[in-house]
């Protein structure tokens, strides 16, 4: 049985794209070729950030967790049995919460599903083979 979780988008998460949009408007305000090129690069960065924010999903398929971070980045696949620890963490300096997943290879993954409790319960349920 497949189960999908969407990424949570908070006000703090939207802060960077908003600042980049304002910077792009300021750069494009003056009609110079150099400003146009910088503005075009900033627009590309904004599109990449928004694409990743809006299209990130976490999919449980059988005994695997698939993390899809938008259409431009390679998906990450991990076995549920390889997950050593999964816990909810608060960022030290910003009001951001996320789930930190550690696998048996020492890799750490930070995910921000909308339903954190349901996500953690789904990991536990699949670790206990209650698929």
N, C-alpha and C. Protein backbone atom coordinates (compact mmCIF):
# COMPACT_ATOMS: atom_id res chain seq x y z
N UNK A 1 0.84 -1.18 0.00
CA UNK A 1 0.00 0.00 0.00
C UNK A 1 0.88 1.24 0.00
N UNK A 2 0.62 2.14 -0.93
CA UNK A 2 1.38 3.37 -1.03
C UNK A 2 0.76 4.45 -0.15
N UNK A 3 1.60 5.25 0.44
CA UNK A 3 1.13 6.38 1.25
C UNK A 3 2.01 7.56 0.91
N UNK A 4 1.40 8.72 0.61
CA UNK A 4 2.13 9.91 0.19
C UNK A 4 1.92 11.02 1.19
N UNK A 5 3.00 11.73 1.50
CA UNK A 5 2.96 12.90 2.37
C UNK A 5 3.49 14.10 1.59
N UNK A 6 2.79 15.21 1.67
CA UNK A 6 3.23 16.45 1.03
C UNK A 6 4.19 17.19 1.94
N UNK A 7 4.98 18.09 1.34
CA UNK A 7 5.90 18.90 2.13
C UNK A 7 5.15 20.09 2.73
N UNK A 8 5.53 20.45 3.96
CA UNK A 8 4.94 21.61 4.63
C UNK A 8 5.64 22.86 4.12
N UNK A 9 4.85 23.87 3.78
CA UNK A 9 5.40 25.16 3.36
C UNK A 9 4.99 26.18 4.40
N UNK A 10 5.98 26.76 5.06
CA UNK A 10 5.70 27.74 6.11
C UNK A 10 6.12 29.13 5.66
N UNK A 11 5.83 30.11 6.49
CA UNK A 11 6.21 31.49 6.19
C UNK A 11 7.72 31.65 6.11
N UNK A 12 8.44 30.94 6.97
CA UNK A 12 9.90 31.01 6.96
C UNK A 12 10.44 30.41 5.66
N UNK A 13 9.81 29.35 5.18
CA UNK A 13 10.24 28.71 3.95
C UNK A 13 10.04 29.64 2.75
N UNK A 14 9.00 30.46 2.80
CA UNK A 14 8.72 31.38 1.70
C UNK A 14 9.56 32.64 1.74
N UNK A 15 10.30 32.85 2.82
CA UNK A 15 11.06 34.08 2.98
C UNK A 15 12.14 34.24 1.90
N UNK A 16 12.89 33.20 1.60
CA UNK A 16 13.96 33.29 0.61
C UNK A 16 13.43 33.61 -0.79
N UNK A 17 12.40 32.91 -1.30
CA UNK A 17 11.90 33.28 -2.63
C UNK A 17 11.36 34.71 -2.68
N UNK A 18 10.72 35.16 -1.61
CA UNK A 18 10.20 36.53 -1.60
C UNK A 18 11.34 37.53 -1.66
N UNK A 19 12.39 37.30 -0.89
CA UNK A 19 13.55 38.20 -0.94
C UNK A 19 14.22 38.18 -2.31
N UNK A 20 14.30 37.01 -2.92
CA UNK A 20 14.89 36.92 -4.26
C UNK A 20 14.03 37.62 -5.31
N UNK A 21 12.72 37.53 -5.18
CA UNK A 21 11.83 38.22 -6.11
C UNK A 21 12.00 39.73 -5.98
N UNK A 22 12.07 40.22 -4.76
CA UNK A 22 12.28 41.66 -4.56
C UNK A 22 13.64 42.10 -5.10
N UNK A 23 14.65 41.29 -4.90
CA UNK A 23 15.98 41.61 -5.44
C UNK A 23 15.96 41.61 -6.97
N UNK A 24 15.24 40.68 -7.56
CA UNK A 24 15.14 40.61 -9.02
C UNK A 24 14.45 41.85 -9.57
N UNK A 25 13.38 42.28 -8.93
CA UNK A 25 12.68 43.49 -9.37
C UNK A 25 13.62 44.69 -9.28
N UNK A 26 14.37 44.78 -8.21
CA UNK A 26 15.32 45.89 -8.04
C UNK A 26 16.42 45.85 -9.09
N UNK A 27 16.94 44.66 -9.40
CA UNK A 27 18.00 44.53 -10.40
C UNK A 27 17.48 44.89 -11.79
N UNK A 28 16.26 44.46 -12.10
CA UNK A 28 15.70 44.73 -13.43
C UNK A 28 15.15 46.14 -13.58
N UNK A 29 15.18 46.92 -12.53
CA UNK A 29 14.64 48.27 -12.57
C UNK A 29 15.42 49.16 -13.53
N UNK A 30 16.73 48.95 -13.61
CA UNK A 30 17.56 49.75 -14.50
C UNK A 30 17.80 49.00 -15.80
N UNK A 31 17.59 49.64 -16.94
CA UNK A 31 17.72 48.95 -18.24
C UNK A 31 19.17 48.83 -18.71
N UNK A 32 19.89 47.90 -18.13
CA UNK A 32 21.27 47.61 -18.55
C UNK A 32 21.38 46.12 -18.86
N UNK A 33 22.28 45.80 -19.76
CA UNK A 33 22.45 44.40 -20.15
C UNK A 33 22.95 43.56 -18.98
N UNK A 34 23.87 44.08 -18.21
CA UNK A 34 24.40 43.32 -17.07
C UNK A 34 23.30 43.05 -16.04
N UNK A 35 22.42 44.03 -15.83
CA UNK A 35 21.32 43.83 -14.89
C UNK A 35 20.33 42.80 -15.43
N UNK A 36 20.13 42.81 -16.74
CA UNK A 36 19.23 41.83 -17.35
C UNK A 36 19.76 40.41 -17.15
N UNK A 37 21.05 40.21 -17.34
CA UNK A 37 21.65 38.88 -17.19
C UNK A 37 21.55 38.41 -15.74
N UNK A 38 21.87 39.31 -14.80
CA UNK A 38 21.75 38.95 -13.38
C UNK A 38 20.30 38.67 -13.03
N UNK A 39 19.38 39.47 -13.54
CA UNK A 39 17.95 39.25 -13.29
C UNK A 39 17.48 37.93 -13.85
N UNK A 40 17.97 37.55 -15.03
CA UNK A 40 17.61 36.28 -15.62
C UNK A 40 18.12 35.11 -14.79
N UNK A 41 19.33 35.21 -14.28
CA UNK A 41 19.86 34.17 -13.39
C UNK A 41 19.05 34.07 -12.10
N UNK A 42 18.66 35.22 -11.54
CA UNK A 42 17.85 35.20 -10.32
C UNK A 42 16.48 34.56 -10.57
N UNK A 43 15.90 34.82 -11.73
CA UNK A 43 14.61 34.20 -12.06
C UNK A 43 14.76 32.69 -12.15
N UNK A 44 15.86 32.20 -12.73
CA UNK A 44 16.11 30.75 -12.79
C UNK A 44 16.23 30.15 -11.39
N UNK A 45 16.93 30.85 -10.51
CA UNK A 45 17.08 30.36 -9.13
C UNK A 45 15.72 30.33 -8.43
N UNK A 46 14.90 31.36 -8.63
CA UNK A 46 13.57 31.41 -8.02
C UNK A 46 12.71 30.25 -8.51
N UNK A 47 12.75 29.98 -9.81
CA UNK A 47 11.97 28.87 -10.37
C UNK A 47 12.41 27.54 -9.76
N UNK A 48 13.72 27.34 -9.62
CA UNK A 48 14.23 26.10 -9.03
C UNK A 48 13.77 25.94 -7.58
N UNK A 49 13.83 27.03 -6.81
CA UNK A 49 13.42 26.97 -5.40
C UNK A 49 11.93 26.68 -5.28
N UNK A 50 11.11 27.40 -6.05
CA UNK A 50 9.66 27.19 -5.97
C UNK A 50 9.27 25.80 -6.48
N UNK A 51 9.95 25.32 -7.52
CA UNK A 51 9.68 23.97 -8.02
C UNK A 51 9.95 22.93 -6.94
N UNK A 52 11.05 23.09 -6.25
CA UNK A 52 11.39 22.14 -5.18
C UNK A 52 10.41 22.23 -4.03
N UNK A 53 10.00 23.45 -3.66
CA UNK A 53 9.07 23.61 -2.54
C UNK A 53 7.69 23.04 -2.85
N UNK A 54 7.20 23.28 -4.06
CA UNK A 54 5.84 22.89 -4.39
C UNK A 54 5.69 21.43 -4.78
N UNK A 55 6.75 20.80 -5.26
CA UNK A 55 6.63 19.44 -5.77
C UNK A 55 7.42 18.41 -4.97
N UNK A 56 7.75 18.70 -3.73
CA UNK A 56 8.41 17.71 -2.89
C UNK A 56 7.35 16.84 -2.23
N UNK A 57 7.51 15.53 -2.41
CA UNK A 57 6.60 14.56 -1.78
C UNK A 57 7.43 13.43 -1.20
N UNK A 58 6.86 12.79 -0.20
CA UNK A 58 7.48 11.65 0.46
C UNK A 58 6.52 10.47 0.29
N UNK A 59 6.99 9.44 -0.42
CA UNK A 59 6.12 8.32 -0.77
C UNK A 59 6.64 7.04 -0.11
N UNK A 60 5.75 6.36 0.59
CA UNK A 60 6.05 5.03 1.14
C UNK A 60 5.49 4.00 0.17
N UNK A 61 6.37 3.18 -0.38
CA UNK A 61 5.97 2.09 -1.28
C UNK A 61 6.54 0.80 -0.74
N UNK A 62 5.69 -0.06 -0.24
CA UNK A 62 6.15 -1.33 0.32
C UNK A 62 7.08 -1.08 1.50
N UNK A 63 8.33 -1.49 1.37
CA UNK A 63 9.29 -1.33 2.46
C UNK A 63 10.33 -0.24 2.12
N UNK A 64 9.96 0.70 1.25
CA UNK A 64 10.88 1.77 0.88
C UNK A 64 10.24 3.14 1.09
N UNK A 65 11.08 4.12 1.35
CA UNK A 65 10.67 5.52 1.42
C UNK A 65 11.34 6.23 0.26
N UNK A 66 10.53 6.88 -0.57
CA UNK A 66 11.03 7.61 -1.73
C UNK A 66 10.83 9.09 -1.46
N UNK A 67 11.91 9.85 -1.54
CA UNK A 67 11.85 11.30 -1.34
C UNK A 67 12.03 11.94 -2.71
N UNK A 68 10.98 12.57 -3.21
CA UNK A 68 11.03 13.27 -4.50
C UNK A 68 11.04 14.77 -4.23
N UNK A 69 12.16 15.41 -4.51
CA UNK A 69 12.33 16.84 -4.25
C UNK A 69 12.22 17.62 -5.55
N UNK A 70 11.05 17.61 -6.14
CA UNK A 70 10.81 18.35 -7.37
C UNK A 70 11.20 17.56 -8.60
N UNK A 71 10.98 18.18 -9.76
CA UNK A 71 11.22 17.50 -11.03
C UNK A 71 12.66 17.61 -11.51
N UNK A 72 13.43 18.54 -10.94
CA UNK A 72 14.79 18.78 -11.43
C UNK A 72 15.86 18.03 -10.64
N UNK A 73 15.48 17.36 -9.57
CA UNK A 73 16.46 16.69 -8.74
C UNK A 73 16.16 15.19 -8.70
N UNK A 74 17.23 14.40 -8.60
CA UNK A 74 17.09 12.95 -8.54
C UNK A 74 16.40 12.54 -7.24
N UNK A 75 15.50 11.58 -7.33
CA UNK A 75 14.81 11.11 -6.13
C UNK A 75 15.73 10.26 -5.27
N UNK A 76 15.48 10.28 -3.97
CA UNK A 76 16.25 9.49 -3.02
C UNK A 76 15.39 8.32 -2.55
N UNK A 77 15.95 7.12 -2.59
CA UNK A 77 15.23 5.92 -2.18
C UNK A 77 15.98 5.29 -1.02
N UNK A 78 15.24 4.98 0.04
CA UNK A 78 15.87 4.30 1.18
C UNK A 78 14.94 3.21 1.68
N UNK A 79 15.55 2.15 2.13
CA UNK A 79 14.80 1.04 2.72
C UNK A 79 14.37 1.43 4.13
N UNK A 80 13.17 1.07 4.51
CA UNK A 80 12.68 1.36 5.86
C UNK A 80 13.53 0.64 6.90
N UNK A 81 14.01 -0.56 6.56
CA UNK A 81 14.84 -1.32 7.50
C UNK A 81 16.19 -0.65 7.76
N UNK A 82 16.65 0.21 6.83
CA UNK A 82 17.92 0.92 6.99
C UNK A 82 17.80 2.15 7.89
N UNK A 83 16.59 2.55 8.21
CA UNK A 83 16.40 3.74 9.05
C UNK A 83 16.74 3.40 10.49
N UNK A 84 17.75 4.08 11.02
CA UNK A 84 18.19 3.86 12.39
C UNK A 84 17.38 4.72 13.35
N UNK A 85 17.15 5.98 12.97
CA UNK A 85 16.46 6.91 13.86
C UNK A 85 15.67 7.91 13.03
N UNK A 86 14.50 8.27 13.52
CA UNK A 86 13.68 9.32 12.91
C UNK A 86 13.04 10.09 14.04
N UNK A 87 13.37 11.38 14.12
CA UNK A 87 12.84 12.19 15.22
C UNK A 87 12.53 13.60 14.75
N UNK A 88 11.59 14.22 15.43
CA UNK A 88 11.23 15.59 15.15
C UNK A 88 12.24 16.53 15.81
N UNK A 89 12.73 17.51 15.05
CA UNK A 89 13.78 18.41 15.51
C UNK A 89 13.35 19.85 15.25
N UNK A 90 13.74 20.71 16.15
CA UNK A 90 13.51 22.13 16.00
C UNK A 90 14.83 22.80 15.65
N UNK A 91 14.82 23.71 14.67
CA UNK A 91 16.03 24.44 14.30
C UNK A 91 16.42 25.38 15.43
N UNK A 92 17.72 25.53 15.66
CA UNK A 92 18.18 26.34 16.80
C UNK A 92 17.86 27.82 16.66
N UNK A 93 18.08 28.37 15.47
CA UNK A 93 18.00 29.82 15.32
C UNK A 93 16.77 30.30 14.56
N UNK A 94 16.04 29.40 13.94
CA UNK A 94 14.86 29.79 13.17
C UNK A 94 13.66 28.98 13.65
N UNK A 95 12.47 29.53 13.49
CA UNK A 95 11.27 28.78 13.92
C UNK A 95 10.85 27.73 12.89
N UNK A 96 11.71 26.75 12.68
CA UNK A 96 11.47 25.70 11.70
C UNK A 96 11.55 24.34 12.39
N UNK A 97 10.58 23.49 12.09
CA UNK A 97 10.60 22.11 12.58
C UNK A 97 10.71 21.18 11.40
N UNK A 98 11.43 20.08 11.59
CA UNK A 98 11.56 19.09 10.55
C UNK A 98 11.83 17.73 11.19
N UNK A 99 11.75 16.69 10.38
CA UNK A 99 12.04 15.35 10.86
C UNK A 99 13.42 14.98 10.33
N UNK A 100 14.29 14.57 11.24
CA UNK A 100 15.64 14.15 10.89
C UNK A 100 15.68 12.63 10.84
N UNK A 101 16.02 12.10 9.68
CA UNK A 101 16.08 10.66 9.48
C UNK A 101 17.54 10.27 9.31
N UNK A 102 17.98 9.28 10.09
CA UNK A 102 19.34 8.76 9.97
C UNK A 102 19.27 7.32 9.51
N UNK A 103 20.06 6.99 8.47
CA UNK A 103 20.06 5.61 8.01
C UNK A 103 21.30 4.87 8.50
N UNK A 104 21.36 3.59 8.20
CA UNK A 104 22.46 2.75 8.72
C UNK A 104 23.80 3.08 8.08
N UNK A 105 23.81 3.86 7.00
CA UNK A 105 25.05 4.26 6.33
C UNK A 105 25.59 5.57 6.87
N UNK A 106 24.90 6.15 7.86
CA UNK A 106 25.34 7.40 8.46
C UNK A 106 24.82 8.64 7.76
N UNK A 107 24.00 8.50 6.73
CA UNK A 107 23.44 9.65 6.03
C UNK A 107 22.26 10.21 6.81
N UNK A 108 22.14 11.52 6.77
CA UNK A 108 21.03 12.21 7.44
C UNK A 108 20.15 12.86 6.38
N UNK A 109 18.85 12.76 6.57
CA UNK A 109 17.88 13.36 5.67
C UNK A 109 16.95 14.24 6.50
N UNK A 110 16.72 15.45 6.05
CA UNK A 110 15.75 16.33 6.70
C UNK A 110 14.51 16.42 5.84
N UNK A 111 13.36 16.10 6.41
CA UNK A 111 12.10 16.17 5.68
C UNK A 111 11.11 17.01 6.47
N UNK A 112 10.19 17.65 5.76
CA UNK A 112 9.18 18.49 6.39
C UNK A 112 7.78 18.12 5.89
N UNK A 113 7.26 16.97 6.31
CA UNK A 113 5.91 16.63 5.88
C UNK A 113 4.87 17.46 6.61
N UNK A 114 3.71 17.61 6.00
CA UNK A 114 2.62 18.37 6.62
C UNK A 114 2.19 17.69 7.91
N UNK A 115 2.05 16.37 7.88
CA UNK A 115 1.61 15.60 9.03
C UNK A 115 2.81 14.88 9.64
N UNK A 116 3.53 15.55 10.55
CA UNK A 116 4.74 14.96 11.13
C UNK A 116 4.44 13.69 11.93
N UNK A 117 3.41 13.74 12.76
CA UNK A 117 3.07 12.57 13.58
C UNK A 117 2.68 11.38 12.72
N UNK A 118 1.89 11.61 11.69
CA UNK A 118 1.50 10.53 10.78
C UNK A 118 2.69 9.95 10.04
N UNK A 119 3.64 10.81 9.67
CA UNK A 119 4.84 10.37 8.99
C UNK A 119 5.68 9.46 9.89
N UNK A 120 5.89 9.89 11.14
CA UNK A 120 6.67 9.09 12.09
C UNK A 120 5.96 7.78 12.41
N UNK A 121 4.63 7.81 12.55
CA UNK A 121 3.87 6.59 12.81
C UNK A 121 3.94 5.63 11.62
N UNK A 122 3.95 6.20 10.41
CA UNK A 122 4.05 5.35 9.21
C UNK A 122 5.41 4.66 9.15
N UNK A 123 6.48 5.36 9.52
CA UNK A 123 7.81 4.73 9.57
C UNK A 123 7.81 3.60 10.59
N UNK A 124 7.27 3.85 11.78
CA UNK A 124 7.24 2.81 12.82
C UNK A 124 6.39 1.62 12.39
N UNK A 125 5.26 1.92 11.77
CA UNK A 125 4.36 0.85 11.33
C UNK A 125 5.05 -0.04 10.30
N UNK A 126 5.77 0.56 9.38
CA UNK A 126 6.45 -0.22 8.35
C UNK A 126 7.71 -0.90 8.89
N UNK A 127 8.34 -0.33 9.89
CA UNK A 127 9.49 -1.00 10.52
C UNK A 127 9.03 -2.26 11.25
N UNK A 128 7.81 -2.23 11.77
CA UNK A 128 7.25 -3.38 12.48
C UNK A 128 6.52 -4.34 11.53
N UNK A 129 6.70 -4.13 10.21
CA UNK A 129 6.10 -4.97 9.16
C UNK A 129 4.60 -5.03 9.26
N UNK A 130 3.95 -3.91 9.51
CA UNK A 130 2.48 -3.85 9.55
C UNK A 130 1.97 -3.21 8.26
N UNK A 131 2.51 -3.62 7.15
CA UNK A 131 2.17 -2.97 5.85
C UNK A 131 0.77 -3.29 5.45
